[in-house]
Amino acid sequence: MGESREVFIEEVCARSNRIAVVFILASVFLVVQVPYLFIADPDSAIYVISTLNVVGAGGFALVSGAALYYCRQRQDSE
């Protein structure tokens, strides 16, 4: 189990450029969608869609940012 986890982490860190693109796109999309939460009527479908978009983009930004941070810390410790 420990060996497969290490292989997974190495593969994720090897693709850090692609993960950085996901982080940038998710962050930009998050910044674009957040204002809709304040503009749209809370009872409208646009508000629901914006909320789901913010949650999804926030999740992608959080996970990809955490992976980038972990890979950077791992690289600095070597």
N, C-alpha and C. Protein backbone atom coordinates (compact mmCIF):
# COMPACT_ATOMS: atom_id res chain seq x y z
N MET A 1 0.83 -1.19 0.00
CA MET A 1 0.00 0.00 0.00
C MET A 1 0.87 1.26 0.00
N GLY A 2 1.92 1.27 0.81
CA GLY A 2 2.77 2.43 0.89
C GLY A 2 3.51 2.70 -0.41
N GLU A 3 3.89 1.61 -1.10
CA GLU A 3 4.61 1.77 -2.37
C GLU A 3 3.69 2.33 -3.45
N SER A 4 2.46 1.88 -3.50
CA SER A 4 1.53 2.39 -4.51
C SER A 4 1.19 3.86 -4.25
N ARG A 5 1.14 4.24 -2.98
CA ARG A 5 0.88 5.65 -2.66
C ARG A 5 2.05 6.52 -3.10
N GLU A 6 3.26 6.04 -2.89
CA GLU A 6 4.45 6.79 -3.30
C GLU A 6 4.51 6.93 -4.82
N VAL A 7 4.15 5.88 -5.53
CA VAL A 7 4.12 5.95 -7.00
C VAL A 7 3.08 6.97 -7.45
N PHE A 8 1.91 6.96 -6.80
CA PHE A 8 0.86 7.93 -7.14
C PHE A 8 1.34 9.36 -6.91
N ILE A 9 1.98 9.60 -5.79
CA ILE A 9 2.48 10.95 -5.48
C ILE A 9 3.55 11.38 -6.47
N GLU A 10 4.43 10.46 -6.85
CA GLU A 10 5.45 10.79 -7.85
C GLU A 10 4.82 11.14 -9.20
N GLU A 11 3.79 10.42 -9.59
CA GLU A 11 3.13 10.69 -10.87
C GLU A 11 2.38 12.02 -10.83
N VAL A 12 1.75 12.32 -9.71
CA VAL A 12 1.07 13.61 -9.58
C VAL A 12 2.07 14.74 -9.65
N CYS A 13 3.17 14.61 -8.95
CA CYS A 13 4.19 15.67 -8.95
C CYS A 13 4.88 15.79 -10.31
N ALA A 14 4.96 14.70 -11.05
CA ALA A 14 5.55 14.76 -12.38
C ALA A 14 4.67 15.55 -13.34
N ARG A 15 3.40 15.64 -13.05
CA ARG A 15 2.46 16.37 -13.89
C ARG A 15 2.05 17.71 -13.27
N SER A 16 2.95 18.30 -12.54
CA SER A 16 2.61 19.54 -11.83
C SER A 16 2.29 20.69 -12.78
N ASN A 17 2.85 20.69 -13.99
CA ASN A 17 2.50 21.75 -14.95
C ASN A 17 1.03 21.67 -15.35
N ARG A 18 0.54 20.48 -15.56
CA ARG A 18 -0.88 20.30 -15.92
C ARG A 18 -1.78 20.64 -14.75
N ILE A 19 -1.35 20.30 -13.55
CA ILE A 19 -2.13 20.63 -12.37
C ILE A 19 -2.15 22.14 -12.15
N ALA A 20 -1.06 22.81 -12.49
CA ALA A 20 -1.03 24.27 -12.38
C ALA A 20 -2.04 24.91 -13.33
N VAL A 21 -2.20 24.34 -14.52
CA VAL A 21 -3.20 24.85 -15.46
C VAL A 21 -4.61 24.67 -14.90
N VAL A 22 -4.86 23.53 -14.30
CA VAL A 22 -6.18 23.30 -13.68
C VAL A 22 -6.40 24.30 -12.55
N PHE A 23 -5.37 24.55 -11.75
CA PHE A 23 -5.49 25.52 -10.65
C PHE A 23 -5.78 26.92 -11.17
N ILE A 24 -5.09 27.34 -12.21
CA ILE A 24 -5.30 28.68 -12.77
C ILE A 24 -6.70 28.81 -13.35
N LEU A 25 -7.13 27.81 -14.13
CA LEU A 25 -8.46 27.87 -14.72
C LEU A 25 -9.56 27.86 -13.66
N ALA A 26 -9.40 27.03 -12.65
CA ALA A 26 -10.40 26.97 -11.58
C ALA A 26 -10.43 28.28 -10.80
N SER A 27 -9.28 28.88 -10.56
CA SER A 27 -9.23 30.14 -9.83
C SER A 27 -9.88 31.27 -10.63
N VAL A 28 -9.59 31.34 -11.91
CA VAL A 28 -10.20 32.37 -12.76
C VAL A 28 -11.71 32.18 -12.83
N PHE A 29 -12.14 30.95 -13.02
CA PHE A 29 -13.57 30.67 -13.09
C PHE A 29 -14.25 31.00 -11.76
N LEU A 30 -13.58 30.75 -10.66
CA LEU A 30 -14.12 31.08 -9.35
C LEU A 30 -14.29 32.58 -9.19
N VAL A 31 -13.28 33.34 -9.61
CA VAL A 31 -13.35 34.80 -9.51
C VAL A 31 -14.48 35.35 -10.39
N VAL A 32 -14.70 34.73 -11.54
CA VAL A 32 -15.75 35.20 -12.44
C VAL A 32 -17.13 34.87 -11.89
N GLN A 33 -17.28 33.73 -11.23
CA GLN A 33 -18.60 33.28 -10.79
C GLN A 33 -19.05 33.88 -9.46
N VAL A 34 -18.14 34.25 -8.59
CA VAL A 34 -18.52 34.75 -7.27
C VAL A 34 -19.41 35.99 -7.34
N PRO A 35 -19.16 36.95 -8.22
CA PRO A 35 -20.06 38.11 -8.25
C PRO A 35 -21.53 37.77 -8.56
N TYR A 36 -21.75 36.70 -9.30
CA TYR A 36 -23.13 36.30 -9.59
C TYR A 36 -23.91 35.95 -8.33
N LEU A 37 -23.21 35.53 -7.29
CA LEU A 37 -23.90 35.21 -6.04
C LEU A 37 -24.49 36.46 -5.39
N PHE A 38 -23.90 37.61 -5.68
CA PHE A 38 -24.40 38.85 -5.10
C PHE A 38 -25.35 39.59 -6.04
N ILE A 39 -25.29 39.29 -7.32
CA ILE A 39 -26.12 39.98 -8.30
C ILE A 39 -27.45 39.24 -8.52
N ALA A 40 -27.39 37.94 -8.62
CA ALA A 40 -28.58 37.15 -8.97
C ALA A 40 -29.56 37.07 -7.81
N ASP A 41 -30.81 36.95 -8.16
CA ASP A 41 -31.88 36.78 -7.18
C ASP A 41 -31.75 35.39 -6.55
N PRO A 42 -31.75 35.29 -5.22
CA PRO A 42 -31.56 33.98 -4.57
C PRO A 42 -32.61 32.93 -4.93
N ASP A 43 -33.73 33.33 -5.49
CA ASP A 43 -34.76 32.36 -5.86
C ASP A 43 -34.67 31.96 -7.33
N SER A 44 -33.64 32.39 -8.03
CA SER A 44 -33.55 32.11 -9.47
C SER A 44 -32.66 30.90 -9.74
N ALA A 45 -32.81 30.38 -10.96
CA ALA A 45 -32.00 29.25 -11.38
C ALA A 45 -30.54 29.66 -11.57
N ILE A 46 -30.31 30.90 -11.98
CA ILE A 46 -28.93 31.37 -12.17
C ILE A 46 -28.18 31.36 -10.84
N TYR A 47 -28.87 31.67 -9.77
CA TYR A 47 -28.23 31.65 -8.45
C TYR A 47 -27.82 30.23 -8.08
N VAL A 48 -28.68 29.28 -8.36
CA VAL A 48 -28.37 27.88 -8.04
C VAL A 48 -27.19 27.40 -8.88
N ILE A 49 -27.20 27.72 -10.16
CA ILE A 49 -26.11 27.32 -11.04
C ILE A 49 -24.80 27.99 -10.62
N SER A 50 -24.87 29.26 -10.27
CA SER A 50 -23.67 29.97 -9.83
C SER A 50 -23.12 29.37 -8.54
N THR A 51 -24.02 29.01 -7.64
CA THR A 51 -23.59 28.38 -6.39
C THR A 51 -22.87 27.06 -6.66
N LEU A 52 -23.44 26.25 -7.54
CA LEU A 52 -22.80 24.98 -7.88
C LEU A 52 -21.47 25.20 -8.59
N ASN A 53 -21.41 26.21 -9.45
CA ASN A 53 -20.15 26.52 -10.13
C ASN A 53 -19.08 26.99 -9.14
N VAL A 54 -19.47 27.81 -8.18
CA VAL A 54 -18.51 28.29 -7.18
C VAL A 54 -18.01 27.13 -6.32
N VAL A 55 -18.90 26.26 -5.92
CA VAL A 55 -18.49 25.11 -5.11
C VAL A 55 -17.56 24.20 -5.90
N GLY A 56 -17.90 23.92 -7.15
CA GLY A 56 -17.07 23.06 -7.99
C GLY A 56 -15.72 23.66 -8.29
N ALA A 57 -15.71 24.92 -8.70
CA ALA A 57 -14.44 25.59 -9.01
C ALA A 57 -13.59 25.73 -7.75
N GLY A 58 -14.24 26.01 -6.62
CA GLY A 58 -13.51 26.09 -5.36
C GLY A 58 -12.88 24.76 -4.99
N GLY A 59 -13.61 23.68 -5.22
CA GLY A 59 -13.06 22.35 -4.95
C GLY A 59 -11.87 22.03 -5.82
N PHE A 60 -12.00 22.31 -7.12
CA PHE A 60 -10.87 22.07 -8.02
C PHE A 60 -9.67 22.93 -7.64
N ALA A 61 -9.90 24.20 -7.33
CA ALA A 61 -8.81 25.09 -6.94
C ALA A 61 -8.16 24.61 -5.65
N LEU A 62 -8.96 24.17 -4.70
CA LEU A 62 -8.42 23.72 -3.42
C LEU A 62 -7.58 22.44 -3.58
N VAL A 63 -8.11 21.47 -4.29
CA VAL A 63 -7.39 20.20 -4.45
C VAL A 63 -6.13 20.37 -5.29
N SER A 64 -6.25 21.09 -6.41
CA SER A 64 -5.07 21.27 -7.26
C SER A 64 -4.03 22.16 -6.57
N GLY A 65 -4.47 23.17 -5.84
CA GLY A 65 -3.54 24.01 -5.09
C GLY A 65 -2.84 23.23 -4.00
N ALA A 66 -3.57 22.37 -3.32
CA ALA A 66 -2.96 21.53 -2.28
C ALA A 66 -1.94 20.58 -2.88
N ALA A 67 -2.25 20.03 -4.05
CA ALA A 67 -1.29 19.13 -4.71
C ALA A 67 -0.03 19.88 -5.11
N LEU A 68 -0.20 21.08 -5.64
CA LEU A 68 0.97 21.88 -6.02
C LEU A 68 1.80 22.26 -4.81
N TYR A 69 1.13 22.63 -3.73
CA TYR A 69 1.84 22.99 -2.49
C TYR A 69 2.60 21.78 -1.94
N TYR A 70 1.96 20.62 -1.92
CA TYR A 70 2.60 19.41 -1.41
C TYR A 70 3.81 19.04 -2.26
N CYS A 71 3.66 19.13 -3.58
CA CYS A 71 4.78 18.78 -4.47
C CYS A 71 5.93 19.76 -4.30
N ARG A 72 5.62 21.04 -4.08
CA ARG A 72 6.67 22.03 -3.86
C ARG A 72 7.40 21.75 -2.55
N GLN A 73 6.66 21.42 -1.50
CA GLN A 73 7.29 21.11 -0.22
C GLN A 73 8.13 19.84 -0.34
N ARG A 74 7.64 18.89 -1.08
CA ARG A 74 8.37 17.63 -1.26
C ARG A 74 9.65 17.87 -2.05
N GLN A 75 9.58 18.74 -3.06
CA GLN A 75 10.74 19.04 -3.88
C GLN A 75 11.79 19.81 -3.07
N ASP A 76 11.34 20.74 -2.22
CA ASP A 76 12.27 21.51 -1.40
C ASP A 76 12.96 20.66 -0.34
N SER A 77 12.29 19.63 0.13
CA SER A 77 12.90 18.79 1.18
C SER A 77 13.92 17.81 0.63
N GLU A 78 13.92 17.61 -0.67
CA GLU A 78 14.88 16.65 -1.26
C GLU A 78 16.23 17.24 -1.46
